[in-house]
Amino acid sequence: MRKFFNSLAIFLLLIGFSGCFGEDEKVKAPKKDHIFVKNDGVEDFKVDVQNRVKEKVLVPFRETIKIEFLATKTKTVLVKTKSQDPNWNNCSIAMQVGQTLVVHRKYENIECKAE
């Protein structure tokens, strides 16, 4: 009888520990939002997505890039462009997540628009 209780206790312990070594829980990656930035014929410039991206992103001449950042409830972002040429102006615009920021020349200035 004693042997039976010992084997029952060991069996219950093994069942209890088997739950500890099951599959690991899948960790969900944080959701990301993005914007596109299109350099439509302006010198190289840097883009600052305020409160979303830590560093300014360089956008080369005639390139389109995608900037990703962590998603929040707010779907509007403030984007500032800063020209590499000190003679050119800078541009700021509020735009929606997923839109494309197009930066182009207008006379002697740069102009921004969200599409």
PDB file of N, CA and C in Angstrom:
ATOM      1  N   MET A   1       0.825  -1.191   0.000  1.00  0.00           N
ATOM      2  CA  MET A   1       0.000   0.000   0.000  1.00  0.00           C
ATOM      3  C   MET A   1       0.873   1.260   0.000  1.00  0.00           C
ATOM      4  N   ARG A   2       1.953   1.197   0.777  1.00  0.00           N
ATOM      5  CA  ARG A   2       2.857   2.330   0.854  1.00  0.00           C
ATOM      6  C   ARG A   2       3.506   2.582  -0.502  1.00  0.00           C
ATOM      7  N   LYS A   3       3.847   1.527  -1.194  1.00  0.00           N
ATOM      8  CA  LYS A   3       4.457   1.636  -2.517  1.00  0.00           C
ATOM      9  C   LYS A   3       3.484   2.307  -3.490  1.00  0.00           C
ATOM     10  N   PHE A   4       2.223   1.994  -3.352  1.00  0.00           N
ATOM     11  CA  PHE A   4       1.191   2.590  -4.208  1.00  0.00           C
ATOM     12  C   PHE A   4       1.110   4.100  -3.991  1.00  0.00           C
ATOM     13  N   PHE A   5       1.112   4.565  -2.723  1.00  0.00           N
ATOM     14  CA  PHE A   5       1.041   6.003  -2.426  1.00  0.00           C
ATOM     15  C   PHE A   5       2.289   6.740  -2.908  1.00  0.00           C
ATOM     16  N   ASN A   6       3.458   6.094  -2.770  1.00  0.00           N
ATOM     17  CA  ASN A   6       4.698   6.718  -3.258  1.00  0.00           C
ATOM     18  C   ASN A   6       4.657   6.900  -4.775  1.00  0.00           C
ATOM     19  N   SER A   7       4.222   5.868  -5.473  1.00  0.00           N
ATOM     20  CA  SER A   7       4.165   5.971  -6.941  1.00  0.00           C
ATOM     21  C   SER A   7       3.085   6.969  -7.367  1.00  0.00           C
ATOM     22  N   LEU A   8       1.974   7.061  -6.632  1.00  0.00           N
ATOM     23  CA  LEU A   8       0.931   8.042  -6.926  1.00  0.00           C
ATOM     24  C   LEU A   8       1.452   9.464  -6.698  1.00  0.00           C
ATOM     25  N   ALA A   9       2.203   9.688  -5.632  1.00  0.00           N
ATOM     26  CA  ALA A   9       2.768  11.009  -5.341  1.00  0.00           C
ATOM     27  C   ALA A   9       3.761  11.413  -6.428  1.00  0.00           C
ATOM     28  N   ILE A  10       4.609  10.493  -6.843  1.00  0.00           N
ATOM     29  CA  ILE A  10       5.580  10.784  -7.912  1.00  0.00           C
ATOM     30  C   ILE A  10       4.847  11.080  -9.212  1.00  0.00           C
ATOM     31  N   PHE A  11       3.811  10.318  -9.508  1.00  0.00           N
ATOM     32  CA  PHE A  11       3.029  10.535 -10.731  1.00  0.00           C
ATOM     33  C   PHE A  11       2.386  11.927 -10.727  1.00  0.00           C
ATOM     34  N   LEU A  12       1.816  12.338  -9.601  1.00  0.00           N
ATOM     35  CA  LEU A  12       1.189  13.657  -9.501  1.00  0.00           C
ATOM     36  C   LEU A  12       2.227  14.774  -9.615  1.00  0.00           C
ATOM     37  N   LEU A  13       3.406  14.591  -9.044  1.00  0.00           N
ATOM     38  CA  LEU A  13       4.478  15.579  -9.178  1.00  0.00           C
ATOM     39  C   LEU A  13       4.909  15.722 -10.638  1.00  0.00           C
ATOM     40  N   LEU A  14       5.034  14.604 -11.326  1.00  0.00           N
ATOM     41  CA  LEU A  14       5.431  14.655 -12.741  1.00  0.00           C
ATOM     42  C   LEU A  14       4.382  15.371 -13.585  1.00  0.00           C
ATOM     43  N   ILE A  15       3.124  15.136 -13.301  1.00  0.00           N
ATOM     44  CA  ILE A  15       2.056  15.834 -14.029  1.00  0.00           C
ATOM     45  C   ILE A  15       2.114  17.333 -13.725  1.00  0.00           C
ATOM     46  N   GLY A  16       2.359  17.690 -12.476  1.00  0.00           N
ATOM     47  CA  GLY A  16       2.455  19.101 -12.090  1.00  0.00           C
ATOM     48  C   GLY A  16       3.615  19.807 -12.775  1.00  0.00           C
ATOM     49  N   PHE A  17       4.764  19.153 -12.846  1.00  0.00           N
ATOM     50  CA  PHE A  17       5.932  19.764 -13.485  1.00  0.00           C
ATOM     51  C   PHE A  17       5.838  19.773 -15.005  1.00  0.00           C
ATOM     52  N   SER A  18       5.047  18.902 -15.564  1.00  0.00           N
ATOM     53  CA  SER A  18       4.959  18.861 -17.034  1.00  0.00           C
ATOM     54  C   SER A  18       4.346  20.139 -17.593  1.00  0.00           C
ATOM     55  N   GLY A  19       3.518  20.825 -16.825  1.00  0.00           N
ATOM     56  CA  GLY A  19       2.949  22.096 -17.268  1.00  0.00           C
ATOM     57  C   GLY A  19       3.987  23.203 -17.335  1.00  0.00           C
ATOM     58  N   CYS A  20       5.069  23.075 -16.566  1.00  0.00           N
ATOM     59  CA  CYS A  20       6.110  24.106 -16.557  1.00  0.00           C
ATOM     60  C   CYS A  20       6.969  24.070 -17.808  1.00  0.00           C
ATOM     61  N   PHE A  21       7.018  22.940 -18.473  1.00  0.00           N
ATOM     62  CA  PHE A  21       7.913  22.801 -19.619  1.00  0.00           C
ATOM     63  C   PHE A  21       7.165  22.717 -20.937  1.00  0.00           C
ATOM     64  N   GLY A  22       5.994  23.300 -20.986  1.00  0.00           N
ATOM     65  CA  GLY A  22       5.199  23.293 -22.219  1.00  0.00           C
ATOM     66  C   GLY A  22       5.733  24.308 -23.215  1.00  0.00           C
ATOM     67  N   GLU A  23       4.949  24.610 -24.209  1.00  0.00           N
ATOM     68  CA  GLU A  23       5.350  25.579 -25.224  1.00  0.00           C
ATOM     69  C   GLU A  23       5.469  26.968 -24.615  1.00  0.00           C
ATOM     70  N   ASP A  24       6.445  27.714 -25.107  1.00  0.00           N
ATOM     71  CA  ASP A  24       6.594  29.098 -24.662  1.00  0.00           C
ATOM     72  C   ASP A  24       5.481  29.935 -25.269  1.00  0.00           C
ATOM     73  N   GLU A  25       5.049  30.928 -24.521  1.00  0.00           N
ATOM     74  CA  GLU A  25       4.029  31.827 -25.048  1.00  0.00           C
ATOM     75  C   GLU A  25       4.643  32.694 -26.134  1.00  0.00           C
ATOM     76  N   LYS A  26       3.888  32.929 -27.174  1.00  0.00           N
ATOM     77  CA  LYS A  26       4.381  33.773 -28.258  1.00  0.00           C
ATOM     78  C   LYS A  26       4.262  35.233 -27.840  1.00  0.00           C
ATOM     79  N   VAL A  27       5.353  35.943 -27.988  1.00  0.00           N
ATOM     80  CA  VAL A  27       5.373  37.356 -27.639  1.00  0.00           C
ATOM     81  C   VAL A  27       5.004  38.152 -28.880  1.00  0.00           C
ATOM     82  N   LYS A  28       4.013  39.006 -28.744  1.00  0.00           N
ATOM     83  CA  LYS A  28       3.582  39.807 -29.882  1.00  0.00           C
ATOM     84  C   LYS A  28       4.507  41.005 -30.043  1.00  0.00           C
ATOM     85  N   ALA A  29       4.913  41.246 -31.263  1.00  0.00           N
ATOM     86  CA  ALA A  29       5.736  42.425 -31.554  1.00  0.00           C
ATOM     87  C   ALA A  29       4.844  43.661 -31.504  1.00  0.00           C
ATOM     88  N   PRO A  30       5.403  44.785 -31.080  1.00  0.00           N
ATOM     89  CA  PRO A  30       4.583  46.003 -31.054  1.00  0.00           C
ATOM     90  C   PRO A  30       4.186  46.418 -32.461  1.00  0.00           C
ATOM     91  N   LYS A  31       2.984  46.955 -32.582  1.00  0.00           N
ATOM     92  CA  LYS A  31       2.502  47.390 -33.894  1.00  0.00           C
ATOM     93  C   LYS A  31       3.260  48.634 -34.332  1.00  0.00           C
ATOM     94  N   LYS A  32       3.441  48.743 -35.638  1.00  0.00           N
ATOM     95  CA  LYS A  32       4.171  49.889 -36.181  1.00  0.00           C
ATOM     96  C   LYS A  32       3.320  50.631 -37.194  1.00  0.00           C
ATOM     97  N   ASP A  33       3.490  51.946 -37.209  1.00  0.00           N
ATOM     98  CA  ASP A  33       2.907  52.806 -38.228  1.00  0.00           C
ATOM     99  C   ASP A  33       4.042  53.284 -39.114  1.00  0.00           C
ATOM    100  N   HIS A  34       3.689  53.925 -40.216  1.00  0.00           N
ATOM    101  CA  HIS A  34       4.729  54.411 -41.121  1.00  0.00           C
ATOM    102  C   HIS A  34       4.236  55.606 -41.926  1.00  0.00           C
ATOM    103  N   ILE A  35       5.187  56.330 -42.469  1.00  0.00           N
ATOM    104  CA  ILE A  35       4.920  57.355 -43.477  1.00  0.00           C
ATOM    105  C   ILE A  35       5.957  57.165 -44.575  1.00  0.00           C
ATOM    106  N   PHE A  36       5.647  57.663 -45.751  1.00  0.00           N
ATOM    107  CA  PHE A  36       6.604  57.674 -46.849  1.00  0.00           C
ATOM    108  C   PHE A  36       7.058  59.114 -47.050  1.00  0.00           C
ATOM    109  N   VAL A  37       8.316  59.282 -47.412  1.00  0.00           N
ATOM    110  CA  VAL A  37       8.855  60.604 -47.708  1.00  0.00           C
ATOM    111  C   VAL A  37       9.485  60.539 -49.086  1.00  0.00           C
ATOM    112  N   LYS A  38       9.011  61.423 -49.968  1.00  0.00           N
ATOM    113  CA  LYS A  38       9.491  61.444 -51.350  1.00  0.00           C
ATOM    114  C   LYS A  38      10.232  62.753 -51.600  1.00  0.00           C
ATOM    115  N   ASN A  39      11.492  62.635 -52.000  1.00  0.00           N
ATOM    116  CA  ASN A  39      12.296  63.798 -52.353  1.00  0.00           C
ATOM    117  C   ASN A  39      12.121  64.020 -53.849  1.00  0.00           C
ATOM    118  N   ASP A  40      11.308  64.987 -54.190  1.00  0.00           N
ATOM    119  CA  ASP A  40      10.951  65.218 -55.592  1.00  0.00           C
ATOM    120  C   ASP A  40      11.778  66.365 -56.181  1.00  0.00           C
ATOM    121  N   GLY A  41      13.091  66.194 -56.145  1.00  0.00           N
ATOM    122  CA  GLY A  41      13.952  67.161 -56.810  1.00  0.00           C
ATOM    123  C   GLY A  41      14.525  68.239 -55.936  1.00  0.00           C
ATOM    124  N   VAL A  42      14.749  67.954 -54.666  1.00  0.00           N
ATOM    125  CA  VAL A  42      15.359  68.916 -53.751  1.00  0.00           C
ATOM    126  C   VAL A  42      16.703  68.327 -53.327  1.00  0.00           C
ATOM    127  N   GLU A  43      17.624  69.192 -52.913  1.00  0.00           N
ATOM    128  CA  GLU A  43      18.884  68.701 -52.349  1.00  0.00           C
ATOM    129  C   GLU A  43      18.564  67.703 -51.236  1.00  0.00           C
ATOM    130  N   ASP A  44      19.574  66.957 -50.807  1.00  0.00           N
ATOM    131  CA  ASP A  44      19.370  66.044 -49.681  1.00  0.00           C
ATOM    132  C   ASP A  44      18.837  66.825 -48.480  1.00  0.00           C
ATOM    133  N   PHE A  45      17.926  66.212 -47.747  1.00  0.00           N
ATOM    134  CA  PHE A  45      17.403  66.855 -46.542  1.00  0.00           C
ATOM    135  C   PHE A  45      17.156  65.808 -45.473  1.00  0.00           C
ATOM    136  N   LYS A  46      17.012  66.274 -44.248  1.00  0.00           N
ATOM    137  CA  LYS A  46      16.735  65.379 -43.127  1.00  0.00           C
ATOM    138  C   LYS A  46      15.296  65.564 -42.677  1.00  0.00           C
ATOM    139  N   VAL A  47      14.704  64.466 -42.231  1.00  0.00           N
ATOM    140  CA  VAL A  47      13.312  64.473 -41.784  1.00  0.00           C
ATOM    141  C   VAL A  47      13.273  64.116 -40.304  1.00  0.00           C
ATOM    142  N   ASP A  48      12.496  64.874 -39.552  1.00  0.00           N
ATOM    143  CA  ASP A  48      12.293  64.625 -38.131  1.00  0.00           C
ATOM    144  C   ASP A  48      10.804  64.372 -37.906  1.00  0.00           C
ATOM    145  N   VAL A  49      10.466  63.139 -37.514  1.00  0.00           N
ATOM    146  CA  VAL A  49       9.078  62.809 -37.171  1.00  0.00           C
ATOM    147  C   VAL A  49       8.978  63.014 -35.665  1.00  0.00           C
ATOM    148  N   GLN A  50       8.392  64.137 -35.260  1.00  0.00           N
ATOM    149  CA  GLN A  50       8.431  64.535 -33.856  1.00  0.00           C
ATOM    150  C   GLN A  50       7.705  63.556 -32.949  1.00  0.00           C
ATOM    151  N   ASN A  51       8.344  63.262 -31.830  1.00  0.00           N
ATOM    152  CA  ASN A  51       7.836  62.370 -30.781  1.00  0.00           C
ATOM    153  C   ASN A  51       7.647  60.932 -31.245  1.00  0.00           C
ATOM    154  N   ARG A  52       8.168  60.562 -32.395  1.00  0.00           N
ATOM    155  CA  ARG A  52       8.015  59.194 -32.889  1.00  0.00           C
ATOM    156  C   ARG A  52       9.363  58.540 -33.204  1.00  0.00           C
ATOM    157  N   VAL A  53      10.283  59.289 -33.799  1.00  0.00           N
ATOM    158  CA  VAL A  53      11.580  58.754 -34.211  1.00  0.00           C
ATOM    159  C   VAL A  53      12.660  59.557 -33.494  1.00  0.00           C
ATOM    160  N   LYS A  54      13.633  58.858 -32.922  1.00  0.00           N
ATOM    161  CA  LYS A  54      14.662  59.537 -32.133  1.00  0.00           C
ATOM    162  C   LYS A  54      15.612  60.356 -32.998  1.00  0.00           C
ATOM    163  N   GLU A  55      16.043  59.798 -34.114  1.00  0.00           N
ATOM    164  CA  GLU A  55      17.040  60.468 -34.946  1.00  0.00           C
ATOM    165  C   GLU A  55      16.414  60.980 -36.232  1.00  0.00           C
ATOM    166  N   LYS A  56      17.017  62.012 -36.781  1.00  0.00           N
ATOM    167  CA  LYS A  56      16.568  62.531 -38.069  1.00  0.00           C
ATOM    168  C   LYS A  56      17.007  61.568 -39.166  1.00  0.00           C
ATOM    169  N   VAL A  57      16.173  61.429 -40.190  1.00  0.00           N
ATOM    170  CA  VAL A  57      16.426  60.492 -41.279  1.00  0.00           C
ATOM    171  C   VAL A  57      16.819  61.279 -42.524  1.00  0.00           C
ATOM    172  N   LEU A  58      17.918  60.891 -43.156  1.00  0.00           N
ATOM    173  CA  LEU A  58      18.387  61.556 -44.365  1.00  0.00           C
ATOM    174  C   LEU A  58      17.636  61.011 -45.578  1.00  0.00           C
ATOM    175  N   VAL A  59      17.106  61.918 -46.397  1.00  0.00           N
ATOM    176  CA  VAL A  59      16.408  61.529 -47.630  1.00  0.00           C
ATOM    177  C   VAL A  59      17.243  62.037 -48.805  1.00  0.00           C
ATOM    178  N   PRO A  60      17.876  61.142 -49.557  1.00  0.00           N
ATOM    179  CA  PRO A  60      18.719  61.565 -50.678  1.00  0.00           C
ATOM    180  C   PRO A  60      17.902  62.141 -51.834  1.00  0.00           C
ATOM    181  N   PHE A  61      18.589  62.835 -52.715  1.00  0.00           N
ATOM    182  CA  PHE A  61      18.011  63.454 -53.905  1.00  0.00           C
ATOM    183  C   PHE A  61      17.266  62.416 -54.743  1.00  0.00           C
ATOM    184  N   ARG A  62      16.003  62.719 -55.093  1.00  0.00           N
ATOM    185  CA  ARG A  62      15.139  61.877 -55.943  1.00  0.00           C
ATOM    186  C   ARG A  62      14.885  60.474 -55.390  1.00  0.00           C
ATOM    187  N   GLU A  63      14.849  60.327 -54.083  1.00  0.00           N
ATOM    188  CA  GLU A  63      14.573  59.029 -53.463  1.00  0.00           C
ATOM    189  C   GLU A  63      13.253  59.082 -52.706  1.00  0.00           C
ATOM    190  N   THR A  64      12.648  57.911 -52.511  1.00  0.00           N
ATOM    191  CA  THR A  64      11.465  57.762 -51.663  1.00  0.00           C
ATOM    192  C   THR A  64      11.807  56.738 -50.596  1.00  0.00           C
ATOM    193  N   ILE A  65      11.570  57.096 -49.345  1.00  0.00           N
ATOM    194  CA  ILE A  65      11.884  56.181 -48.252  1.00  0.00           C
ATOM    195  C   ILE A  65      10.653  55.969 -47.378  1.00  0.00           C
ATOM    196  N   LYS A  66      10.693  54.896 -46.616  1.00  0.00           N
ATOM    197  CA  LYS A  66       9.621  54.580 -45.671  1.00  0.00           C
ATOM    198  C   LYS A  66      10.197  54.730 -44.267  1.00  0.00           C
ATOM    199  N   ILE A  67       9.503  55.482 -43.421  1.00  0.00           N
ATOM    200  CA  ILE A  67       9.926  55.665 -42.033  1.00  0.00           C
ATOM    201  C   ILE A  67       8.910  54.964 -41.146  1.00  0.00           C
ATOM    202  N   GLU A  68       9.375  53.988 -40.366  1.00  0.00           N
ATOM    203  CA  GLU A  68       8.502  53.252 -39.459  1.00  0.00           C
ATOM    204  C   GLU A  68       8.736  53.709 -38.025  1.00  0.00           C
ATOM    205  N   PHE A  69       7.670  53.648 -37.226  1.00  0.00           N
ATOM    206  CA  PHE A  69       7.739  54.024 -35.822  1.00  0.00           C
ATOM    207  C   PHE A  69       6.634  53.293 -35.083  1.00  0.00           C
ATOM    208  N   LEU A  70       6.734  53.239 -33.771  1.00  0.00           N
ATOM    209  CA  LEU A  70       5.731  52.534 -32.968  1.00  0.00           C
ATOM    210  C   LEU A  70       4.363  53.190 -33.105  1.00  0.00           C
ATOM    211  N   ALA A  71       3.349  52.363 -33.212  1.00  0.00           N
ATOM    212  CA  ALA A  71       1.980  52.857 -33.374  1.00  0.00           C
ATOM    213  C   ALA A  71       1.449  53.391 -32.043  1.00  0.00           C
ATOM    214  N   THR A  72       0.650  54.430 -32.136  1.00  0.00           N
ATOM    215  CA  THR A  72      -0.058  54.976 -30.975  1.00  0.00           C
ATOM    216  C   THR A  72      -1.507  55.205 -31.385  1.00  0.00           C
ATOM    217  N   LYS A  73      -2.315  55.669 -30.447  1.00  0.00           N
ATOM    218  CA  LYS A  73      -3.712  55.954 -30.773  1.00  0.00           C
ATOM    219  C   LYS A  73      -3.827  57.146 -31.711  1.00  0.00           C
ATOM    220  N   THR A  74      -2.886  58.073 -31.601  1.00  0.00           N
ATOM    221  CA  THR A  74      -2.898  59.258 -32.454  1.00  0.00           C
ATOM    222  C   THR A  74      -2.387  58.889 -33.834  1.00  0.00           C
ATOM    223  N   LYS A  75      -3.156  59.178 -34.847  1.00  0.00           N
ATOM    224  CA  LYS A  75      -2.769  58.837 -36.216  1.00  0.00           C
ATOM    225  C   LYS A  75      -2.324  60.058 -37.008  1.00  0.00           C
ATOM    226  N   THR A  76      -2.015  61.142 -36.309  1.00  0.00           N
ATOM    227  CA  THR A  76      -1.481  62.342 -36.945  1.00  0.00           C
ATOM    228  C   THR A  76      -0.066  62.552 -36.437  1.00  0.00           C
ATOM    229  N   VAL A  77       0.862  62.850 -37.344  1.00  0.00           N
ATOM    230  CA  VAL A  77       2.249  63.088 -36.955  1.00  0.00           C
ATOM    231  C   VAL A  77       2.697  64.448 -37.470  1.00  0.00           C
ATOM    232  N   LEU A  78       3.582  65.081 -36.720  1.00  0.00           N
ATOM    233  CA  LEU A  78       4.179  66.343 -37.145  1.00  0.00           C
ATOM    234  C   LEU A  78       5.547  66.023 -37.725  1.00  0.00           C
ATOM    235  N   VAL A  79       5.747  66.418 -38.972  1.00  0.00           N
ATOM    236  CA  VAL A  79       6.987  66.109 -39.678  1.00  0.00           C
ATOM    237  C   VAL A  79       7.682  67.414 -40.036  1.00  0.00           C
ATOM    238  N   LYS A  80       8.974  67.484 -39.726  1.00  0.00           N
ATOM    239  CA  LYS A  80       9.773  68.657 -40.077  1.00  0.00           C
ATOM    240  C   LYS A  80      10.880  68.223 -41.022  1.00  0.00           C
ATOM    241  N   THR A  81      11.078  68.999 -42.082  1.00  0.00           N
ATOM    242  CA  THR A  81      12.193  68.745 -42.987  1.00  0.00           C
ATOM    243  C   THR A  81      13.215  69.850 -42.801  1.00  0.00           C
ATOM    244  N   LYS A  82      14.472  69.460 -42.841  1.00  0.00           N
ATOM    245  CA  LYS A  82      15.561  70.426 -42.684  1.00  0.00           C
ATOM    246  C   LYS A  82      16.526  70.222 -43.836  1.00  0.00           C
ATOM    247  N   SER A  83      16.666  71.243 -44.664  1.00  0.00           N
ATOM    248  CA  SER A  83      17.540  71.177 -45.828  1.00  0.00           C
ATOM    249  C   SER A  83      19.001  71.120 -45.404  1.00  0.00           C
ATOM    250  N   GLN A  84      19.803  70.396 -46.172  1.00  0.00           N
ATOM    251  CA  GLN A  84      21.242  70.348 -45.931  1.00  0.00           C
ATOM    252  C   GLN A  84      21.903  71.650 -46.383  1.00  0.00           C
ATOM    253  N   ASP A  85      21.259  72.355 -47.297  1.00  0.00           N
ATOM    254  CA  ASP A  85      21.776  73.623 -47.809  1.00  0.00           C
ATOM    255  C   ASP A  85      21.276  74.749 -46.905  1.00  0.00           C
ATOM    256  N   PRO A  86      22.175  75.532 -46.290  1.00  0.00           N
ATOM    257  CA  PRO A  86      21.723  76.580 -45.366  1.00  0.00           C
ATOM    258  C   PRO A  86      20.951  77.708 -46.046  1.00  0.00           C
ATOM    259  N   ASN A  87      21.021  77.818 -47.365  1.00  0.00           N
ATOM    260  CA  ASN A  87      20.305  78.881 -48.075  1.00  0.00           C
ATOM    261  C   ASN A  87      18.834  78.541 -48.316  1.00  0.00           C
ATOM    262  N   TRP A  88      18.466  77.288 -48.109  1.00  0.00           N
ATOM    263  CA  TRP A  88      17.087  76.867 -48.349  1.00  0.00           C
ATOM    264  C   TRP A  88      16.301  76.912 -47.044  1.00  0.00           C
ATOM    265  N   ASN A  89      14.993  77.041 -47.175  1.00  0.00           N
ATOM    266  CA  ASN A  89      14.142  77.079 -45.984  1.00  0.00           C
ATOM    267  C   ASN A  89      13.870  75.666 -45.472  1.00  0.00           C
ATOM    268  N   ASN A  90      13.247  75.587 -44.320  1.00  0.00           N
ATOM    269  CA  ASN A  90      12.794  74.319 -43.757  1.00  0.00           C
ATOM    270  C   ASN A  90      11.278  74.266 -43.880  1.00  0.00           C
ATOM    271  N   CYS A  91      10.713  73.109 -43.673  1.00  0.00           N
ATOM    272  CA  CYS A  91       9.282  72.935 -43.898  1.00  0.00           C
ATOM    273  C   CYS A  91       8.708  72.043 -42.795  1.00  0.00           C
ATOM    274  N   SER A  92       7.520  72.357 -42.309  1.00  0.00           N
ATOM    275  CA  SER A  92       6.825  71.537 -41.311  1.00  0.00           C
ATOM    276  C   SER A  92       5.412  71.264 -41.796  1.00  0.00           C
ATOM    277  N   ILE A  93       4.922  70.061 -41.480  1.00  0.00           N
ATOM    278  CA  ILE A  93       3.568  69.704 -41.901  1.00  0.00           C
ATOM    279  C   ILE A  93       3.010  68.646 -40.945  1.00  0.00           C
ATOM    280  N   ALA A  94       1.710  68.725 -40.678  1.00  0.00           N
ATOM    281  CA  ALA A  94       1.007  67.681 -39.925  1.00  0.00           C
ATOM    282  C   ALA A  94       0.351  66.772 -40.951  1.00  0.00           C
ATOM    283  N   MET A  95       0.560  65.478 -40.809  1.00  0.00           N
ATOM    284  CA  MET A  95       0.019  64.532 -41.788  1.00  0.00           C
ATOM    285  C   MET A  95      -0.461  63.270 -41.093  1.00  0.00           C
ATOM    286  N   GLN A  96      -1.224  62.472 -41.821  1.00  0.00           N
ATOM    287  CA  GLN A  96      -1.773  61.232 -41.295  1.00  0.00           C
ATOM    288  C   GLN A  96      -0.785  60.085 -41.503  1.00  0.00           C
ATOM    289  N   VAL A  97      -0.836  59.119 -40.607  1.00  0.00           N
ATOM    290  CA  VAL A  97      -0.032  57.915 -40.743  1.00  0.00           C
ATOM    291  C   VAL A  97      -0.402  57.231 -42.059  1.00  0.00           C
ATOM    292  N   GLY A  98       0.595  56.751 -42.787  1.00  0.00           N
ATOM    293  CA  GLY A  98       0.365  56.059 -44.052  1.00  0.00           C
ATOM    294  C   GLY A  98       0.423  56.967 -45.265  1.00  0.00           C
ATOM    295  N   GLN A  99       0.379  58.278 -45.066  1.00  0.00           N
ATOM    296  CA  GLN A  99       0.448  59.202 -46.194  1.00  0.00           C
ATOM    297  C   GLN A  99       1.887  59.355 -46.680  1.00  0.00           C
ATOM    298  N   THR A 100       2.014  60.007 -47.839  1.00  0.00           N
ATOM    299  CA  THR A 100       3.324  60.302 -48.407  1.00  0.00           C
ATOM    300  C   THR A 100       3.583  61.795 -48.309  1.00  0.00           C
ATOM    301  N   LEU A 101       4.738  62.149 -47.765  1.00  0.00           N
ATOM    302  CA  LEU A 101       5.179  63.536 -47.719  1.00  0.00           C
ATOM    303  C   LEU A 101       6.019  63.782 -48.965  1.00  0.00           C
ATOM    304  N   VAL A 102       5.580  64.716 -49.794  1.00  0.00           N
ATOM    305  CA  VAL A 102       6.315  65.055 -51.014  1.00  0.00           C
ATOM    306  C   VAL A 102       6.979  66.405 -50.794  1.00  0.00           C
ATOM    307  N   VAL A 103       8.292  66.439 -50.960  1.00  0.00           N
ATOM    308  CA  VAL A 103       9.055  67.676 -50.806  1.00  0.00           C
ATOM    309  C   VAL A 103       9.594  68.049 -52.182  1.00  0.00           C
ATOM    310  N   HIS A 104       9.266  69.270 -52.634  1.00  0.00           N
ATOM    311  CA  HIS A 104       9.693  69.687 -53.977  1.00  0.00           C
ATOM    312  C   HIS A 104      10.118  71.143 -53.962  1.00  0.00           C
ATOM    313  N   ARG A 105      10.760  71.558 -55.040  1.00  0.00           N
ATOM    314  CA  ARG A 105      11.210  72.945 -55.175  1.00  0.00           C
ATOM    315  C   ARG A 105      10.064  73.825 -55.623  1.00  0.00           C
ATOM    316  N   LYS A 106      10.038  75.006 -55.068  1.00  0.00           N
ATOM    317  CA  LYS A 106       9.109  76.023 -55.533  1.00  0.00           C
ATOM    318  C   LYS A 106       9.886  77.329 -55.524  1.00  0.00           C
ATOM    319  N   TYR A 107      10.275  77.760 -56.699  1.00  0.00           N
ATOM    320  CA  TYR A 107      11.136  78.938 -56.863  1.00  0.00           C
ATOM    321  C   TYR A 107      12.443  78.691 -56.111  1.00  0.00           C
ATOM    322  N   GLU A 108      12.751  79.503 -55.128  1.00  0.00           N
ATOM    323  CA  GLU A 108      14.001  79.337 -54.374  1.00  0.00           C
ATOM    324  C   GLU A 108      13.765  78.696 -53.009  1.00  0.00           C
ATOM    325  N   ASN A 109      12.613  78.100 -52.817  1.00  0.00           N
ATOM    326  CA  ASN A 109      12.273  77.481 -51.538  1.00  0.00           C
ATOM    327  C   ASN A 109      11.891  76.024 -51.744  1.00  0.00           C
ATOM    328  N   ILE A 110      11.800  75.303 -50.628  1.00  0.00           N
ATOM    329  CA  ILE A 110      11.230  73.961 -50.702  1.00  0.00           C
ATOM    330  C   ILE A 110       9.814  74.025 -50.160  1.00  0.00           C
ATOM    331  N   GLU A 111       8.984  73.150 -50.664  1.00  0.00           N
ATOM    332  CA  GLU A 111       7.584  73.112 -50.249  1.00  0.00           C
ATOM    333  C   GLU A 111       7.216  71.672 -49.926  1.00  0.00           C
ATOM    334  N   CYS A 112       6.370  71.495 -48.915  1.00  0.00           N
ATOM    335  CA  CYS A 112       5.923  70.171 -48.481  1.00  0.00           C
ATOM    336  C   CYS A 112       4.430  70.027 -48.726  1.00  0.00           C
ATOM    337  N   LYS A 113       4.033  68.825 -49.097  1.00  0.00           N
ATOM    338  CA  LYS A 113       2.602  68.528 -49.172  1.00  0.00           C
ATOM    339  C   LYS A 113       2.400  67.051 -48.867  1.00  0.00           C
ATOM    340  N   ALA A 114       1.278  66.738 -48.253  1.00  0.00           N
ATOM    341  CA  ALA A 114       0.941  65.355 -47.919  1.00  0.00           C
ATOM    342  C   ALA A 114      -0.041  64.831 -48.946  1.00  0.00           C
ATOM    343  N   GLU A 115       0.225  63.644 -49.423  1.00  0.00           N
ATOM    344  CA  GLU A 115      -0.672  63.010 -50.412  1.00  0.00           C
ATOM    345  C   GLU A 115      -1.208  61.712 -49.858  1.00  0.00           C
TER     346      GLU A 115
END
